[in-house]
Protein backbone atom coordinates (compact mmCIF):
# COMPACT_ATOMS: atom_id res chain seq x y z
CA MET A 1 -29.93 -32.98 13.86
CA SER A 2 -31.49 -29.99 15.63
CA PHE A 3 -29.14 -26.99 16.54
CA ALA A 4 -29.77 -27.57 20.05
CA PHE A 5 -28.53 -31.13 20.00
CA GLN A 6 -25.42 -30.07 18.15
CA ARG A 7 -24.92 -27.54 21.13
CA PHE A 8 -25.54 -30.23 23.74
CA ARG A 9 -22.86 -32.52 21.91
CA ARG A 10 -20.28 -29.93 22.00
CA ALA A 11 -20.97 -29.05 25.53
CA LEU A 12 -21.19 -32.74 26.78
CA GLU A 13 -17.80 -33.47 24.79
CA ALA A 14 -16.02 -30.27 26.59
CA ARG A 15 -17.30 -31.38 30.09
CA THR A 16 -16.85 -34.99 29.94
CA GLY A 17 -14.90 -36.24 26.92
CA ILE A 18 -17.93 -38.16 25.58
CA ALA A 19 -18.33 -38.10 22.02
CA LEU A 20 -22.22 -38.43 21.37
CA GLY A 21 -22.79 -39.49 17.59
CA ALA A 22 -24.56 -37.52 15.43
CA ASP A 23 -27.45 -40.26 15.44
CA LYS A 24 -28.13 -40.17 19.08
CA GLN A 25 -30.34 -37.07 19.43
CA TYR A 26 -33.38 -39.53 20.49
CA LEU A 27 -31.33 -41.30 22.93
CA ALA A 28 -30.10 -38.07 24.47
CA GLU A 29 -33.73 -36.48 24.42
CA SER A 30 -35.17 -39.71 25.96
CA ARG A 31 -32.51 -39.75 28.77
CA LEU A 32 -32.70 -36.03 29.39
CA SER A 33 -36.65 -35.63 29.56
CA PRO A 34 -37.08 -36.42 33.03
CA ILE A 35 -34.39 -33.71 33.81
CA MET A 36 -36.09 -31.20 31.64
CA ARG A 37 -39.56 -32.16 33.27
CA ALA A 38 -38.46 -31.66 36.80
CA ASN A 39 -36.79 -28.39 36.14
CA GLY A 40 -39.35 -26.85 33.91
CA PHE A 41 -37.34 -26.57 30.81
CA PRO A 42 -40.12 -27.00 27.90
CA HIS A 43 -37.22 -27.50 25.36
CA ILE A 44 -33.72 -29.09 25.05
CA SER A 45 -32.57 -25.57 24.30
CA GLU A 46 -33.29 -24.30 27.88
CA LEU A 47 -31.58 -27.62 29.33
CA VAL A 48 -28.50 -26.89 27.21
CA ASP A 49 -28.26 -23.11 28.47
CA ALA A 50 -28.15 -24.27 31.95
CA PHE A 51 -25.80 -26.99 31.19
CA GLU A 52 -23.37 -24.71 29.32
CA ARG A 53 -23.72 -21.90 32.11
CA ASP A 54 -23.44 -23.73 35.39
CA ASP A 55 -20.50 -25.31 37.04
CA ASP A 56 -20.58 -28.36 39.35
CA SER A 57 -24.23 -27.73 40.08
CA PRO A 58 -26.68 -30.55 40.86
CA LEU A 59 -28.26 -30.02 37.48
CA VAL A 60 -24.96 -30.72 35.49
CA GLN A 61 -24.25 -33.68 37.24
CA LYS A 62 -27.81 -35.02 36.70
CA VAL A 63 -27.20 -34.47 33.24
CA ILE A 64 -23.88 -36.30 33.17
CA ASP A 65 -25.24 -39.04 35.29
CA ALA A 66 -28.26 -39.56 32.66
CA MET A 67 -25.57 -39.59 29.61
CA THR A 68 -22.86 -41.93 30.96
CA THR A 69 -23.15 -45.63 30.09
CA ASN A 70 -22.91 -47.71 33.30
CA GLU A 71 -22.79 -51.14 31.64
CA THR A 72 -20.66 -53.49 33.77
CA LEU A 73 -20.83 -56.88 35.44
CA PHE A 74 -18.67 -58.84 37.97
CA PHE A 75 -15.34 -60.25 36.22
CA ARG A 76 -16.31 -58.83 33.23
CA ASP A 77 -14.81 -60.79 30.27
CA ARG A 78 -13.23 -62.74 32.81
CA THR A 79 -9.82 -63.31 30.94
CA PRO A 80 -8.35 -60.09 32.00
CA PHE A 81 -8.79 -61.05 35.64
CA GLU A 82 -7.36 -64.72 34.94
CA SER A 83 -4.16 -62.94 33.37
CA PHE A 84 -3.87 -60.55 36.32
CA ARG A 85 -4.09 -63.52 38.60
CA ALA A 86 -1.77 -65.91 36.72
CA GLN A 87 0.88 -63.62 34.96
CA ILE A 88 0.63 -59.93 36.20
CA LEU A 89 0.19 -60.08 39.96
CA PRO A 90 3.14 -62.83 40.30
CA SER A 91 5.28 -60.43 38.08
CA LEU A 92 4.52 -57.35 40.20
CA LEU A 93 5.39 -59.47 43.62
CA GLU A 94 8.89 -59.99 42.13
CA ALA A 95 9.40 -56.44 40.90
CA ARG A 96 8.07 -54.80 43.81
CA HIS A 97 9.34 -57.03 46.55
CA ALA A 98 11.58 -54.47 48.09
CA ASP A 99 8.72 -52.13 48.66
CA ARG A 100 5.86 -54.76 49.34
CA SER A 101 3.30 -52.21 48.32
CA LEU A 102 0.99 -52.17 45.43
CA ARG A 103 -1.63 -49.47 44.19
CA PHE A 104 -4.37 -50.02 41.88
CA TRP A 105 -7.04 -47.90 40.15
CA CYS A 106 -10.08 -48.86 38.70
CA ALA A 107 -11.02 -46.01 36.51
CA ALA A 108 -14.33 -45.36 35.25
CA CYS A 109 -15.49 -48.18 37.54
CA SER A 110 -19.14 -47.50 37.01
CA THR A 111 -21.26 -49.26 39.85
CA GLY A 112 -18.22 -50.97 41.59
CA GLN A 113 -18.25 -54.44 40.10
CA GLU A 114 -14.64 -54.21 38.52
CA ALA A 115 -13.26 -52.97 41.61
CA TYR A 116 -14.67 -55.51 43.95
CA SER A 117 -13.90 -58.27 41.41
CA LEU A 118 -10.24 -56.99 41.82
CA ALA A 119 -10.66 -57.04 45.57
CA MET A 120 -11.86 -60.39 45.40
CA THR A 121 -8.92 -61.55 43.24
CA LEU A 122 -6.46 -60.25 45.61
CA ASP A 123 -8.10 -61.86 48.40
CA GLN A 124 -7.80 -65.17 46.61
CA GLU A 125 -4.23 -64.60 46.71
CA ALA A 126 -3.84 -63.37 50.55
CA ARG A 127 -1.17 -65.93 51.36
CA SER A 128 1.06 -64.38 48.75
CA LEU A 129 0.14 -61.04 49.85
CA ARG A 130 0.61 -61.30 53.44
CA GLY A 131 2.68 -58.54 54.86
CA TRP A 132 2.02 -56.25 51.77
CA THR A 133 0.18 -52.92 51.56
CA LEU A 134 -2.69 -53.04 48.97
CA ASP A 135 -4.46 -49.72 47.94
CA ILE A 136 -7.41 -49.84 45.48
CA LEU A 137 -8.79 -46.53 44.21
CA ALA A 138 -11.94 -46.81 42.30
CA THR A 139 -13.32 -43.51 40.34
CA ASP A 140 -16.13 -42.66 37.96
CA LEU A 141 -17.61 -39.54 36.43
CA SER A 142 -21.21 -40.50 37.50
CA THR A 143 -21.99 -39.77 41.42
CA ALA A 144 -24.92 -41.93 40.93
CA ALA A 145 -22.77 -44.95 40.03
CA ILE A 146 -20.27 -44.00 42.72
CA GLU A 147 -23.12 -44.10 45.25
CA THR A 148 -24.15 -47.38 44.09
CA ALA A 149 -20.51 -48.75 44.21
CA ARG A 150 -19.80 -47.49 47.67
CA SER A 151 -22.95 -48.98 49.19
CA GLY A 152 -21.68 -52.42 47.78
CA SER A 153 -25.57 -53.54 47.43
CA TYR A 154 -26.63 -55.49 44.17
CA SER A 155 -29.75 -57.00 43.00
CA GLN A 156 -29.90 -60.78 42.39
CA PHE A 157 -29.70 -60.18 38.60
CA GLU A 158 -26.47 -58.04 39.17
CA VAL A 159 -24.63 -60.90 41.16
CA GLN A 160 -25.75 -63.54 38.69
CA ARG A 161 -23.93 -61.65 35.91
CA GLY A 162 -20.19 -63.22 36.00
CA LEU A 163 -20.05 -63.54 39.62
CA PRO A 164 -19.12 -67.14 40.62
CA THR A 165 -21.38 -69.06 43.29
CA GLY A 166 -18.50 -69.57 45.61
CA HIS A 167 -17.61 -66.01 45.53
CA LEU A 168 -21.25 -64.94 46.18
CA LEU A 169 -21.11 -66.94 49.15
CA ARG A 170 -17.89 -65.95 50.62
CA TYR A 171 -18.15 -62.22 49.99
CA PHE A 172 -21.85 -61.33 50.16
CA HIS A 173 -24.53 -61.42 52.37
CA ARG A 174 -28.24 -61.34 51.99
CA LYS A 175 -30.12 -58.07 53.04
CA ASP A 176 -33.69 -57.80 52.25
CA GLU A 177 -34.20 -58.14 48.38
CA THR A 178 -30.46 -57.45 47.61
CA TRP A 179 -26.82 -59.05 48.25
CA ARG A 180 -24.42 -56.77 49.93
CA ILE A 181 -20.66 -56.92 49.82
CA ASN A 182 -19.06 -58.02 53.23
CA GLU A 183 -17.45 -55.15 55.11
CA HIS A 184 -14.06 -56.36 55.07
CA LEU A 185 -13.67 -56.16 51.58
CA ARG A 186 -15.77 -53.15 50.82
CA ALA A 187 -13.40 -51.47 53.34
CA ARG A 188 -10.53 -52.08 51.15
CA ILE A 189 -11.76 -49.52 48.14
CA GLU A 190 -11.75 -45.98 48.34
CA PHE A 191 -14.49 -44.88 45.76
CA ARG A 192 -14.25 -41.21 44.40
CA GLY A 193 -16.04 -39.27 41.91
CA PHE A 194 -13.38 -38.24 39.31
CA ASN A 195 -13.17 -36.99 35.61
CA LEU A 196 -10.73 -38.30 33.29
CA LEU A 197 -10.35 -34.97 31.81
CA SER A 198 -8.81 -33.75 34.96
CA ASP A 199 -5.35 -33.96 35.91
CA PHE A 200 -4.07 -37.33 37.28
CA ALA A 201 -1.36 -36.09 39.34
CA PRO A 202 -3.29 -35.61 42.57
CA LEU A 203 -4.14 -39.16 42.47
CA GLY A 204 -0.32 -40.53 42.72
CA LYS A 205 1.13 -43.31 40.91
CA PHE A 206 -0.13 -46.89 40.37
CA ASP A 207 1.13 -50.39 39.69
CA VAL A 208 -1.96 -51.41 37.68
CA ILE A 209 -4.70 -49.25 36.11
CA PHE A 210 -8.00 -50.55 35.02
CA CYS A 211 -9.46 -48.53 32.38
CA ARG A 212 -11.54 -50.61 30.28
CA ASN A 213 -14.39 -50.08 27.78
CA VAL A 214 -14.26 -46.32 28.37
CA LEU A 215 -11.79 -44.86 25.76
CA MET A 216 -14.14 -45.94 23.01
CA TYR A 217 -16.52 -42.96 23.71
CA PHE A 218 -13.82 -40.45 23.08
CA GLU A 219 -12.28 -38.92 19.94
CA PRO A 220 -8.89 -39.94 19.18
CA GLU A 221 -7.41 -36.62 20.49
CA THR A 222 -8.88 -36.92 23.75
CA ARG A 223 -7.78 -40.63 23.93
CA ARG A 224 -4.51 -39.58 23.11
CA ALA A 225 -4.47 -37.26 26.04
CA ILE A 226 -5.85 -39.54 28.47
CA LEU A 227 -3.45 -42.31 27.66
CA ASP A 228 -0.69 -39.99 28.11
CA ARG A 229 -2.01 -39.16 31.54
CA LEU A 230 -2.53 -42.94 32.42
CA ASP A 231 1.29 -43.31 31.40
CA ARG A 232 2.43 -40.80 33.71
CA ALA A 233 0.26 -42.27 36.44
CA LEU A 234 1.62 -45.78 36.09
CA ASN A 235 4.91 -46.56 37.93
CA PRO A 236 7.63 -47.77 35.47
CA GLY A 237 6.95 -51.36 34.28
CA GLY A 238 3.30 -50.79 35.43
CA TYR A 239 0.24 -52.33 33.68
CA LEU A 240 -2.71 -51.09 31.91
CA PHE A 241 -5.96 -53.03 31.41
CA LEU A 242 -8.08 -51.88 28.47
CA GLY A 243 -11.10 -53.27 26.71
CA ALA A 244 -10.27 -55.98 24.36
CA SER A 245 -11.18 -54.06 21.24
CA GLU A 246 -9.16 -50.89 22.69
CA GLY A 247 -5.84 -50.16 21.86
CA THR A 248 -3.06 -47.54 22.54
CA ALA A 249 -2.20 -46.39 19.11
CA GLU A 250 -2.72 -42.76 19.97
CA ALA A 251 -0.01 -43.02 22.78
CA GLY A 252 3.06 -43.33 20.44
CA GLY A 253 4.53 -46.40 21.48
CA VAL A 254 4.85 -45.91 25.21
CA PHE A 255 2.84 -48.98 26.10
CA SER A 256 3.73 -52.57 24.83
CA LEU A 257 1.19 -55.16 24.56
CA VAL A 258 1.46 -57.95 27.05
CA SER A 259 -1.65 -60.09 26.03
CA GLY A 260 -4.51 -60.07 23.35
CA ASP A 261 -7.25 -59.49 26.13
CA GLY A 262 -5.92 -55.93 26.60
CA VAL A 263 -3.27 -55.86 28.74
CA TRP A 264 -0.66 -53.42 28.15
CA GLN A 265 2.73 -52.54 30.01
CA ALA A 266 4.37 -49.09 30.47
CA ARG A 267 7.91 -49.01 29.28
CA ARG A 268 10.68 -48.57 31.50
CA GLU A 269 11.92 -45.25 32.22
CA ASP A 270 15.24 -45.94 30.28
CA VAL A 271 13.22 -47.10 27.22
CA LYS A 272 11.42 -43.90 27.41
CA GLU A 273 14.55 -41.56 27.78
CA ARG A 274 16.15 -43.45 24.86
CA ARG A 275 12.87 -43.01 22.76
CA ALA A 276 12.86 -39.32 23.46
CA MET A 277 16.42 -38.64 22.55
CA SER A 278 16.06 -40.37 19.17
CA ALA A 279 12.85 -38.61 18.45
């Protein structure tokens, strides 16, 4: 492992939280080589110099885009969305009936399939949600991924991955060689660039947060900090969806497991207060 790669690993983690394994030097160099050629950097050390030095420059964002993993598909793993529709949403409708308002956040939404899957699921329950205000925020570190998500355009291969045929016919229309989300569904989601290392407070409070298959890329201390902020961003009794292989051990018990497909619930404020007083 070269010294330049060690520097890059530290700089990438400091900016994004992504913990790049020591065995990923070849992967990193292959992803970064087009950026190096485009900017005239003969060696990775020059790129690292610029990456460490610049703040919010196009170069920094291109490096981050290159190093983020944007693997996703519609209704990924399916069972979390089934749990949401059959169990979580009815519970929320009962708990929030006085406000008749629900806020959702798809953190690390990648190219948008998860957020659109959520929007389609909610649309399927339109009768139960009549008169409710629904707000969906979807964010990602990668500006390239957010641009794709905001466009709502997907290839034939992408819509074949997890999307039921009935949903394709109902919520998409063909445009040239791509499938495009219908405008009424696309307009329901606000897509925004966001770094999970940032302060969550400006985003407000949410009833459901999807943060699936992203904590695995962080070191335990970073996971702990993010889980703490996720807890603070949830309304009391709100729900957190993680990847099935991810947990909340670093959070110190502020979440309780709802189901084995990665659904957790934020503990009520009275429970948190009692735990804090007994600590």
